[in-house]
Amino acid sequence: MELSTWLAFFAASWAISISPGAGAVAAMSAGLNHGFQRGYITTLGLVLGIWTQIVVVGVGLGAVVAASGTAFLVIKWAGVAYLVWLGIQQWRAPAVPLATLTEAEVQVPVRTMMVRAWVINALNPKGTVFLLAVVPQFLNLAQPLAPQYLIIAATLGFTDLVVMGGYTALAAKVLRALKSESHLKAMNRVFGALFVAAGTLLALFKRAA
């Protein structure tokens, strides 16, 4: 991949990562519920989900998902159901100030946090279609594709680690100060509603004809 091509993709990657979506909601929710240090685990899971999508696109399965109505709908509605479920869980989360939680209450298993985040990005056909539309523009078909996909994966992973980490830190720093039960309950419901909204947007998403 030429340096000029990579620089263009690097710029695009920041726009992709900063764009609000289910990943950003998950990162902020993790900051709210677990603080930055443990909440950042969610970002790692989100990046693994992106890498899964890149692998799917790279081996050609993404084209199958985009072309097959049945495969697209199955993955799409699985993603919708998962986001709505996360929204319900967040809505019902206890309104307890983060600073008063015990270590046992804060420490959700690392594997659980990573898997939940991975599913958000991995089960997102919108992401698959997006990658299919964007990534080929930066590929040189006359050169080996595997190294180029590795560069793309590393670049997207880096920008997401920074951006989602920022979202997590912002939520942890600002929301950690909340102590009123009513404020915390409202915040949980805001994030719950955002997850459901992300699920709704995914439900409304349709492939280009």
Protein backbone atom coordinates (compact mmCIF):
# COMPACT_ATOMS: atom_id res chain seq x y z
CA MET A 1 0.00 0.00 0.00
CA GLU A 2 1.39 3.39 -1.06
CA LEU A 3 1.99 5.93 1.69
CA SER A 4 -0.41 8.42 0.10
CA THR A 5 -3.12 5.74 -0.01
CA TRP A 6 -2.51 4.81 3.60
CA LEU A 7 -2.66 8.45 4.71
CA ALA A 8 -6.03 8.82 2.99
CA PHE A 9 -7.31 5.67 4.69
CA PHE A 10 -5.85 6.82 8.02
CA ALA A 11 -7.87 10.04 7.76
CA ALA A 12 -10.98 8.09 6.81
CA SER A 13 -10.44 5.75 9.78
CA TRP A 14 -10.74 8.62 12.25
CA ALA A 15 -14.05 9.64 10.71
CA ILE A 16 -15.24 6.03 10.83
CA SER A 17 -14.26 5.62 14.50
CA ILE A 18 -15.59 8.99 15.70
CA SER A 19 -18.97 8.50 14.02
CA PRO A 20 -21.53 7.81 16.78
CA GLY A 21 -22.95 4.31 16.80
CA ALA A 22 -23.45 1.20 18.90
CA GLY A 23 -19.71 0.94 19.58
CA ALA A 24 -19.54 4.46 21.02
CA VAL A 25 -22.60 3.77 23.17
CA ALA A 26 -21.01 0.55 24.43
CA ALA A 27 -17.74 2.32 25.26
CA MET A 28 -19.49 5.09 27.20
CA SER A 29 -21.72 2.59 28.95
CA ALA A 30 -18.64 0.65 30.02
CA GLY A 31 -17.07 3.84 31.38
CA LEU A 32 -20.26 4.57 33.31
CA ASN A 33 -20.56 1.09 34.80
CA HIS A 34 -16.94 0.08 35.35
CA GLY A 35 -14.71 3.16 35.22
CA PHE A 36 -11.97 3.65 32.64
CA GLN A 37 -9.54 0.87 33.56
CA ARG A 38 -12.01 -1.99 33.35
CA GLY A 39 -14.30 -0.23 30.91
CA TYR A 40 -11.49 -0.11 28.35
CA ILE A 41 -11.80 -3.89 28.04
CA THR A 42 -14.96 -3.19 26.07
CA THR A 43 -12.90 -1.24 23.53
CA LEU A 44 -10.65 -4.27 23.03
CA GLY A 45 -13.73 -6.39 22.30
CA LEU A 46 -15.03 -3.80 19.84
CA VAL A 47 -11.71 -3.85 17.97
CA LEU A 48 -11.81 -7.65 17.80
CA GLY A 49 -15.28 -7.31 16.30
CA ILE A 50 -13.97 -4.93 13.64
CA TRP A 51 -11.13 -7.30 12.83
CA THR A 52 -13.66 -10.12 12.50
CA GLN A 53 -15.57 -8.02 9.99
CA ILE A 54 -12.38 -7.32 8.02
CA VAL A 55 -11.55 -11.03 7.91
CA VAL A 56 -15.08 -11.77 6.71
CA VAL A 57 -14.79 -9.17 3.98
CA GLY A 58 -11.25 -10.25 3.10
CA VAL A 59 -12.13 -13.90 2.51
CA GLY A 60 -15.17 -13.00 0.45
CA LEU A 61 -17.89 -13.94 2.92
CA GLY A 62 -18.89 -10.31 3.20
CA ALA A 63 -19.95 -10.32 -0.44
CA VAL A 64 -22.07 -13.40 0.25
CA VAL A 65 -23.75 -11.71 3.21
CA ALA A 66 -24.37 -8.57 1.17
CA ALA A 67 -25.78 -10.56 -1.75
CA SER A 68 -27.83 -13.14 0.16
CA GLY A 69 -31.07 -11.72 1.47
CA THR A 70 -31.52 -14.54 3.96
CA ALA A 71 -27.99 -14.38 5.40
CA PHE A 72 -28.18 -10.60 5.63
CA LEU A 73 -31.52 -10.66 7.46
CA VAL A 74 -30.48 -13.39 9.90
CA ILE A 75 -27.34 -11.49 10.95
CA LYS A 76 -29.15 -8.16 10.92
CA TRP A 77 -31.97 -9.26 13.25
CA ALA A 78 -29.57 -11.12 15.53
CA GLY A 79 -27.69 -7.83 15.89
CA VAL A 80 -30.90 -5.90 16.47
CA ALA A 81 -32.06 -8.33 19.18
CA TYR A 82 -28.67 -8.16 20.89
CA LEU A 83 -28.58 -4.35 20.98
CA VAL A 84 -32.13 -4.18 22.34
CA TRP A 85 -31.23 -6.75 25.00
CA LEU A 86 -28.22 -4.64 26.01
CA GLY A 87 -30.50 -1.62 26.19
CA ILE A 88 -32.91 -3.40 28.52
CA GLN A 89 -30.02 -4.56 30.72
CA GLN A 90 -28.65 -1.01 30.93
CA TRP A 91 -32.10 0.45 31.61
CA ARG A 92 -32.54 -1.93 34.54
CA ALA A 93 -29.00 -1.47 35.92
CA PRO A 94 -28.84 -0.43 39.60
CA ALA A 95 -28.50 3.30 40.24
CA VAL A 96 -25.39 3.02 42.43
CA PRO A 97 -22.57 5.61 42.32
CA LEU A 98 -19.50 4.04 40.72
CA ALA A 99 -17.27 5.27 43.55
CA THR A 100 -19.26 3.27 46.12
CA LEU A 101 -19.30 -0.06 44.27
CA THR A 102 -17.25 -2.84 45.77
CA GLU A 103 -14.53 -4.52 43.72
CA ALA A 104 -16.70 -7.64 43.33
CA GLU A 105 -19.62 -5.58 42.02
CA VAL A 106 -17.51 -3.69 39.49
CA GLN A 107 -15.51 -6.60 38.17
CA VAL A 108 -17.66 -8.26 35.55
CA PRO A 109 -15.56 -11.11 34.08
CA VAL A 110 -13.16 -9.86 31.41
CA ARG A 111 -14.27 -12.56 28.99
CA THR A 112 -17.91 -11.52 29.37
CA MET A 113 -17.13 -7.87 28.69
CA MET A 114 -15.02 -8.66 25.65
CA VAL A 115 -17.52 -11.11 24.15
CA ARG A 116 -20.39 -8.65 24.59
CA ALA A 117 -18.41 -5.93 22.84
CA TRP A 118 -17.17 -8.30 20.12
CA VAL A 119 -20.73 -9.31 19.25
CA ILE A 120 -21.78 -5.66 18.84
CA ASN A 121 -19.36 -5.15 15.94
CA ALA A 122 -19.16 -8.71 14.62
CA LEU A 123 -22.95 -9.10 14.21
CA ASN A 124 -23.43 -5.92 12.26
CA PRO A 125 -24.16 -6.42 8.56
CA LYS A 126 -24.22 -2.64 8.21
CA GLY A 127 -20.51 -2.71 9.07
CA THR A 128 -19.93 -5.48 6.53
CA VAL A 129 -21.64 -3.55 3.75
CA PHE A 130 -19.77 -0.40 4.77
CA LEU A 131 -16.39 -2.16 4.65
CA LEU A 132 -17.27 -3.69 1.29
CA ALA A 133 -17.98 -0.21 -0.04
CA VAL A 134 -14.97 1.57 1.49
CA VAL A 135 -12.06 -0.87 1.72
CA PRO A 136 -11.77 -1.76 -2.01
CA GLN A 137 -11.14 1.92 -2.79
CA PHE A 138 -7.84 1.69 -0.93
CA LEU A 139 -6.66 -1.67 -2.28
CA ASN A 140 -4.13 -2.11 -5.04
CA LEU A 141 -5.29 -5.27 -6.81
CA ALA A 142 -1.93 -5.59 -8.54
CA GLN A 143 -0.24 -6.22 -5.19
CA PRO A 144 -0.78 -9.02 -2.62
CA LEU A 145 -4.00 -8.34 -0.75
CA ALA A 146 -3.19 -9.98 2.60
CA PRO A 147 -0.58 -7.36 3.68
CA GLN A 148 -2.95 -4.58 2.63
CA TYR A 149 -5.78 -6.03 4.70
CA LEU A 150 -3.38 -6.30 7.66
CA ILE A 151 -2.51 -2.62 7.31
CA ILE A 152 -6.19 -1.71 7.10
CA ALA A 153 -7.01 -3.83 10.16
CA ALA A 154 -4.14 -2.31 12.16
CA THR A 155 -5.14 1.22 11.16
CA LEU A 156 -8.80 0.79 12.04
CA GLY A 157 -7.81 -0.97 15.26
CA PHE A 158 -5.54 1.90 16.29
CA THR A 159 -8.07 4.65 15.66
CA ASP A 160 -10.80 2.72 17.45
CA LEU A 161 -8.54 2.06 20.45
CA VAL A 162 -7.95 5.81 20.74
CA VAL A 163 -11.48 7.04 19.99
CA MET A 164 -13.39 4.44 22.00
CA GLY A 165 -10.89 4.88 24.80
CA GLY A 166 -11.74 8.57 24.74
CA TYR A 167 -15.45 7.83 24.94
CA THR A 168 -14.82 5.46 27.86
CA ALA A 169 -12.64 7.96 29.71
CA LEU A 170 -15.16 10.77 29.18
CA ALA A 171 -18.00 8.70 30.59
CA ALA A 172 -15.91 7.44 33.51
CA LYS A 173 -14.64 10.90 34.44
CA VAL A 174 -17.90 12.81 34.08
CA LEU A 175 -20.31 10.17 35.29
CA ARG A 176 -18.21 8.95 38.20
CA ALA A 177 -19.04 12.25 39.91
CA LEU A 178 -22.77 11.52 39.81
CA LYS A 179 -24.03 10.49 43.22
CA SER A 180 -27.74 11.23 43.12
CA GLU A 181 -29.77 8.04 42.63
CA SER A 182 -32.22 9.88 40.37
CA HIS A 183 -29.39 11.18 38.16
CA LEU A 184 -27.79 7.75 37.92
CA LYS A 185 -31.09 6.11 37.12
CA ALA A 186 -31.71 8.69 34.41
CA MET A 187 -28.23 8.12 32.98
CA ASN A 188 -28.74 4.35 32.89
CA ARG A 189 -32.00 4.89 31.05
CA VAL A 190 -30.38 7.27 28.59
CA PHE A 191 -27.76 4.68 27.69
CA GLY A 192 -30.41 1.95 27.61
CA ALA A 193 -32.45 4.04 25.21
CA LEU A 194 -29.35 4.69 23.07
CA PHE A 195 -28.72 0.95 22.72
CA VAL A 196 -32.35 0.44 21.68
CA ALA A 197 -32.04 3.37 19.26
CA ALA A 198 -28.92 1.78 17.75
CA GLY A 199 -30.86 -1.45 17.37
CA THR A 200 -33.73 0.42 15.73
CA LEU A 201 -31.39 2.10 13.25
CA LEU A 202 -29.90 -1.28 12.40
CA ALA A 203 -33.41 -2.68 11.93
CA LEU A 204 -34.17 0.14 9.46
CA PHE A 205 -30.91 -0.37 7.56
CA LYS A 206 -31.32 -1.82 4.07
CA ARG A 207 -28.78 -2.87 1.51
CA ALA A 208 -28.38 -0.63 -1.47
CA ALA A 209 -30.30 -1.97 -4.42
